[in-house]
Protein backbone atom coordinates (compact mmCIF):
# COMPACT_ATOMS: atom_id res chain seq x y z
CA MET A 1 132.67 19.77 135.05
CA ALA A 2 129.06 18.68 134.22
CA GLY A 3 130.10 15.05 133.83
CA GLN A 4 132.42 15.71 130.89
CA GLU A 5 135.24 13.34 131.77
CA SER A 6 137.10 13.98 128.52
CA SER A 7 137.14 17.73 129.22
CA VAL A 8 138.46 17.20 132.74
CA ARG A 9 141.13 14.86 131.40
CA LEU A 10 142.25 17.47 128.85
CA LEU A 11 142.49 20.12 131.56
CA LEU A 12 144.59 17.86 133.75
CA GLU A 13 146.87 16.99 130.83
CA ALA A 14 147.36 20.74 130.37
CA LYS A 15 148.58 20.87 134.01
CA ALA A 16 145.40 22.34 135.53
CA ASP A 17 145.68 22.37 139.33
CA PRO A 18 143.12 19.99 140.93
CA HIS A 19 143.70 21.51 144.38
CA VAL A 20 142.20 24.91 143.53
CA ARG A 21 139.02 25.71 145.45
CA CYS A 22 136.04 27.86 144.41
CA VAL A 23 136.08 31.56 145.22
CA MET A 24 134.01 32.15 148.35
CA PRO A 25 131.80 35.22 148.94
CA GLU A 26 132.54 37.74 151.67
CA GLY A 27 131.86 36.30 155.10
CA LYS A 28 132.55 32.71 154.03
CA ASP A 29 135.78 30.91 154.92
CA PRO A 30 137.82 30.31 151.73
CA LYS A 31 138.99 27.00 153.24
CA THR A 32 135.41 25.70 152.85
CA GLY A 33 135.37 26.29 149.08
CA ASP A 34 134.76 23.23 146.91
CA THR A 35 137.50 21.60 144.87
CA ALA A 36 136.66 20.11 141.49
CA ARG A 37 136.51 16.69 143.16
CA ASP A 38 134.02 17.98 145.74
CA LYS A 39 131.71 19.14 142.96
CA ALA A 40 132.07 15.91 141.01
CA SER A 41 131.26 13.92 144.13
CA ARG A 42 128.16 16.00 144.85
CA PHE A 43 126.80 15.37 141.36
CA LYS A 44 127.76 11.67 141.53
CA HIS A 45 130.21 11.72 138.61
CA ALA A 46 132.09 8.70 139.93
CA SER A 47 134.57 8.37 137.06
CA ILE A 48 135.58 12.02 137.39
CA VAL A 49 135.96 11.71 141.16
CA LYS A 50 138.38 8.83 140.60
CA LEU A 51 140.28 10.81 137.97
CA LEU A 52 140.63 13.84 140.25
CA GLN A 53 141.65 11.78 143.27
CA LYS A 54 144.61 10.47 141.29
CA ALA A 55 145.41 13.96 140.02
CA GLU A 56 145.44 15.34 143.56
CA LYS A 57 147.96 12.69 144.59
CA ASP A 58 150.14 13.27 141.54
CA SER A 59 150.03 17.08 141.51
CA PRO A 60 152.08 19.16 143.96
CA LEU A 61 150.35 21.73 146.09
CA GLY A 62 150.97 25.34 145.15
CA TRP A 63 150.34 28.76 146.62
CA TYR A 64 146.78 30.14 146.85
CA LYS A 65 145.36 33.51 147.86
CA GLU A 66 143.84 33.28 151.34
CA ASP A 67 141.39 36.18 151.35
CA GLY A 68 139.81 39.03 149.43
CA ILE A 69 137.55 38.96 146.39
CA CYS A 70 140.02 36.71 144.56
CA ASN A 71 140.41 34.25 147.42
CA ASN A 72 141.59 30.73 146.52
CA ARG A 73 143.14 32.02 143.29
CA LYS A 74 146.30 30.14 142.35
CA LEU A 75 149.47 32.18 142.78
CA TYR A 76 152.47 31.59 140.52
CA SER A 77 155.17 32.67 142.94
CA GLU A 78 155.64 32.64 146.69
CA PRO A 79 153.56 35.51 148.10
CA LYS A 80 155.38 38.42 149.70
CA THR A 81 154.53 40.00 153.03
CA SER A 82 151.55 42.34 152.69
CA PRO A 83 151.08 45.53 154.73
CA ALA A 84 147.39 44.69 154.99
CA GLY A 85 147.97 41.53 157.01
CA PRO A 86 149.57 38.11 157.04
CA THR A 87 150.93 36.54 153.90
CA PRO A 88 148.83 33.98 152.05
CA ALA A 89 149.62 30.55 153.45
CA LYS A 90 151.23 27.63 151.66
CA ALA A 91 148.62 25.45 150.01
CA GLU A 92 148.54 22.97 152.89
CA THR A 93 146.92 25.60 155.11
CA VAL A 94 144.46 26.58 152.41
CA VAL A 95 143.29 23.17 151.29
CA ALA A 96 143.26 21.57 154.72
CA ALA A 97 140.25 21.84 157.00
CA ALA A 98 140.65 24.30 159.86
CA ALA A 99 140.90 21.52 162.40
CA LYS A 100 143.98 22.85 164.11
CA PRO A 101 145.31 26.43 164.07
CA ALA A 102 148.73 27.14 162.63
CA ALA A 103 151.47 27.65 165.20
CA ALA A 104 152.31 31.29 165.81
CA LYS A 105 155.64 32.44 164.41
CA PRO A 106 158.06 34.32 166.72
CA ALA A 107 158.29 38.00 165.98
CA ALA A 108 161.33 39.03 163.95
CA ALA A 109 163.83 41.37 165.59
CA GLU A 110 163.74 43.70 162.61
CA PRO A 111 160.56 43.91 160.49
CA ALA A 112 161.25 43.18 156.84
CA ALA A 113 160.59 45.87 154.30
CA VAL A 114 157.25 45.37 152.61
CA LYS A 115 156.62 45.71 148.92
CA PRO A 116 153.40 47.24 147.57
CA ALA A 117 151.05 44.86 145.80
CA ALA A 118 151.56 44.66 142.05
CA ALA A 119 148.89 46.10 139.78
CA GLU A 120 148.71 42.81 137.89
CA PRO A 121 149.35 39.19 138.91
CA ALA A 122 152.98 38.42 138.17
CA ALA A 123 154.68 35.23 137.06
CA ALA A 124 157.70 33.83 138.86
CA GLY A 125 160.07 35.96 136.79
CA GLY A 126 158.36 39.17 137.87
CA LEU A 127 156.70 39.79 134.49
CA PRO A 128 152.91 40.18 134.22
CA LEU A 129 151.04 36.97 133.47
CA PRO A 130 149.98 36.45 129.84
CA LEU A 131 146.55 37.68 128.79
CA ALA A 132 144.10 36.31 126.23
CA LEU A 133 140.95 37.86 124.79
CA LEU A 134 138.19 35.31 124.15
CA PHE A 135 134.96 36.04 122.26
CA PRO A 136 131.67 34.11 122.48
CA GLY A 137 129.59 32.81 119.61
CA GLN A 138 125.94 32.91 118.67
CA GLY A 139 123.59 32.16 121.56
CA SER A 140 124.99 34.59 124.13
CA GLN A 141 122.80 37.48 123.00
CA TYR A 142 120.13 38.99 125.26
CA VAL A 143 117.79 41.98 125.23
CA LYS A 144 119.45 45.03 126.87
CA MET A 145 122.91 44.00 125.66
CA LEU A 146 125.08 47.06 124.87
CA ASP A 147 123.14 49.14 127.41
CA GLY A 148 126.20 49.56 129.63
CA VAL A 149 128.58 50.57 126.82
CA LYS A 150 126.41 52.44 124.31
CA ASP A 151 127.67 55.85 125.44
CA LEU A 152 131.37 55.10 124.97
CA PRO A 153 132.67 57.17 122.01
CA GLU A 154 134.28 54.14 120.36
CA VAL A 155 131.03 52.16 120.64
CA LYS A 156 128.97 55.07 119.33
CA ASP A 157 131.21 55.16 116.26
CA MET A 158 130.82 51.40 115.70
CA LEU A 159 127.03 51.61 116.04
CA ALA A 160 126.84 54.47 113.52
CA LYS A 161 128.87 52.44 111.00
CA ALA A 162 126.78 49.34 111.76
CA LYS A 163 123.58 51.22 110.93
CA GLU A 164 124.97 52.05 107.48
CA ILE A 165 126.28 48.54 106.78
CA LEU A 166 123.29 46.59 108.12
CA GLY A 167 120.50 48.93 107.05
CA TYR A 168 118.78 48.89 110.45
CA ASP A 169 119.33 50.23 113.96
CA LEU A 170 121.28 47.49 115.75
CA LEU A 171 121.28 49.33 119.09
CA GLU A 172 117.49 49.63 119.06
CA LEU A 173 117.19 45.88 118.46
CA CYS A 174 119.71 45.02 121.17
CA LEU A 175 118.09 47.27 123.76
CA ASN A 176 114.42 46.60 123.08
CA GLY A 177 114.23 43.32 121.17
CA PRO A 178 111.94 41.53 120.74
CA GLU A 179 113.99 38.58 121.97
CA GLU A 180 112.72 36.31 119.18
CA LYS A 181 113.99 38.69 116.51
CA LEU A 182 117.35 39.19 118.23
CA ALA A 183 117.77 35.40 118.33
CA GLU A 184 117.38 35.11 114.53
CA THR A 185 120.70 34.26 112.92
CA ARG A 186 120.72 37.25 110.56
CA TYR A 187 120.36 39.67 113.49
CA CYS A 188 122.09 37.73 116.24
CA GLN A 189 125.45 37.40 114.50
CA PRO A 190 125.99 41.13 113.84
CA ALA A 191 124.81 41.87 117.39
CA MET A 192 127.34 39.48 118.91
CA PHE A 193 130.13 40.74 116.66
CA VAL A 194 129.55 44.36 117.66
CA GLY A 195 128.93 43.32 121.27
CA GLY A 196 132.30 41.59 121.49
CA LEU A 197 134.15 44.61 120.13
CA ALA A 198 132.15 46.88 122.44
CA GLY A 199 133.50 44.77 125.28
CA VAL A 200 137.02 45.46 124.03
CA ALA A 201 136.21 49.18 123.98
CA LYS A 202 135.07 49.02 127.59
CA LEU A 203 138.17 47.07 128.56
CA ARG A 204 140.31 49.69 126.81
CA VAL A 205 138.83 52.34 129.12
CA GLU A 206 138.94 50.31 132.34
CA ARG A 207 142.14 48.31 131.83
CA ALA A 208 144.02 49.51 128.79
CA GLU A 209 147.03 47.22 129.33
CA ALA A 210 144.82 44.16 128.81
CA VAL A 211 143.93 45.36 125.30
CA GLU A 212 147.44 46.52 124.46
CA ARG A 213 149.33 43.32 125.26
CA PRO A 214 147.19 40.19 124.79
CA THR A 215 149.27 37.09 124.08
CA CYS A 216 146.49 35.71 121.89
CA VAL A 217 142.89 36.24 120.83
CA ALA A 218 140.38 33.50 120.05
CA GLY A 219 136.67 33.03 119.53
CA LEU A 220 134.01 30.35 119.40
CA SER A 221 132.44 30.00 115.95
CA LEU A 222 131.16 33.50 115.15
CA GLY A 223 133.55 34.77 117.82
CA GLU A 224 136.44 33.94 115.49
CA TYR A 225 135.43 36.91 113.32
CA THR A 226 135.39 39.17 116.38
CA ALA A 227 138.82 37.86 117.37
CA LEU A 228 140.22 38.55 113.89
CA CYS A 229 138.92 42.10 114.05
CA ALA A 230 140.26 42.63 117.58
CA ALA A 231 143.66 41.38 116.38
CA GLY A 232 143.68 43.88 113.51
CA VAL A 233 143.40 41.27 110.75
CA LEU A 234 140.05 42.69 109.61
CA SER A 235 138.72 46.23 109.76
CA PHE A 236 135.45 46.74 111.63
CA GLU A 237 133.64 47.47 108.37
CA ASP A 238 134.96 44.37 106.57
CA GLY A 239 134.35 42.16 109.59
CA LEU A 240 130.75 43.30 110.04
CA THR A 241 130.06 42.97 106.31
CA LEU A 242 131.30 39.37 106.39
CA VAL A 243 129.27 38.61 109.50
CA LYS A 244 126.14 40.12 107.91
CA LEU A 245 126.53 37.90 104.84
CA ARG A 246 127.32 34.88 107.02
CA GLY A 247 124.22 35.37 109.15
CA GLU A 248 121.95 35.81 106.13
CA ALA A 249 123.40 32.76 104.35
CA MET A 250 123.12 30.54 107.42
CA GLY A 251 119.54 31.70 107.96
CA GLU A 252 118.61 30.72 104.40
CA ALA A 253 120.42 27.38 104.65
CA ALA A 254 118.50 26.53 107.80
CA LYS A 255 115.19 26.77 105.92
CA VAL A 256 116.07 23.87 103.60
CA GLY A 257 115.11 21.12 106.02
CA LYS A 258 114.37 20.25 109.63
CA GLN A 259 117.46 20.54 111.78
CA ALA A 260 118.59 21.35 115.29
CA MET A 261 121.68 21.37 117.46
CA LEU A 262 121.73 20.26 121.08
CA SER A 263 124.36 20.61 123.78
CA VAL A 264 124.27 17.79 126.33
CA ALA A 265 126.02 17.95 129.69
CA GLY A 266 125.92 15.77 132.78
CA LEU A 267 124.95 12.44 131.19
CA GLU A 268 127.04 9.30 131.25
CA GLN A 269 128.19 8.32 127.75
CA SER A 270 126.20 5.05 127.83
CA VAL A 271 122.96 6.93 128.54
CA LEU A 272 123.67 9.45 125.78
CA ASP A 273 124.43 6.66 123.28
CA LYS A 274 121.10 5.02 124.08
CA LEU A 275 119.17 8.26 123.59
CA CYS A 276 120.94 8.88 120.27
CA SER A 277 120.05 5.39 119.06
CA GLU A 278 116.40 5.93 119.94
CA ALA A 279 116.36 9.31 118.17
CA GLU A 280 117.95 7.82 115.05
CA LYS A 281 115.31 5.08 114.93
CA LYS A 282 112.63 7.76 115.01
CA GLU A 283 114.21 10.22 112.56
CA GLY A 284 115.93 7.78 110.23
CA GLN A 285 119.42 6.43 109.62
CA GLY A 286 122.06 9.14 109.40
CA ALA A 287 119.85 11.82 110.97
CA LEU A 288 122.30 12.39 113.82
CA PHE A 289 125.85 13.70 113.53
């Protein structure tokens, strides 16, 4: 969201469902969860509100989970009767306000056989939904990262190899910082690379099928290297060696001149254009890309 109309438009073109509401915490009615349009309206993103209003009219309602920790999640097939309670309602009952209760259905003469809930969400054809593994880039690091996975045998092995390749104790840096050092490109990139693969190791223990059958893997910037390693294109040793060289080279390149990168969210394009023009006047023609 954050005022990025082009991003919202791309999501809608990819058939994102504008009717989906936010997951609500325990004790809160899922029917009161915000839709994307509700959020856009609250933050006064008028152009996005208009875009989503049209999308809501043009997009059919689907099925959505009524309760539980995954309430309001979109379902990809008509929900079956659950032994724990009533079936999730058709979208109209989920997205509508609870102004009038649904009419009670007459009891069936013979109760239908109930099926146990599937271990994974299933698509309409009964097959598990596709999975993707996505890896973050530089900037997601923090002191104490790896603390929750450092004792996993697979992670221990990676950290031992990392110490040999990098020439320093990566775990010590990740656990104790200092934060300023961990944020340096030459240290941050290896930390994020190992951190991403440590996440895969944890997932392998907790949900092995997610690691065994991903439809695709992808990463943002540095995360592309992690994705290549997770996909088996690179060995851990080769991947970390490349990331080490990349981090060192980028750190040296950054010393050549004054530079910075800024992510802007929530501003109208006209306001952003004005700020960019003012910055270019101050820093010189061609200073902004």
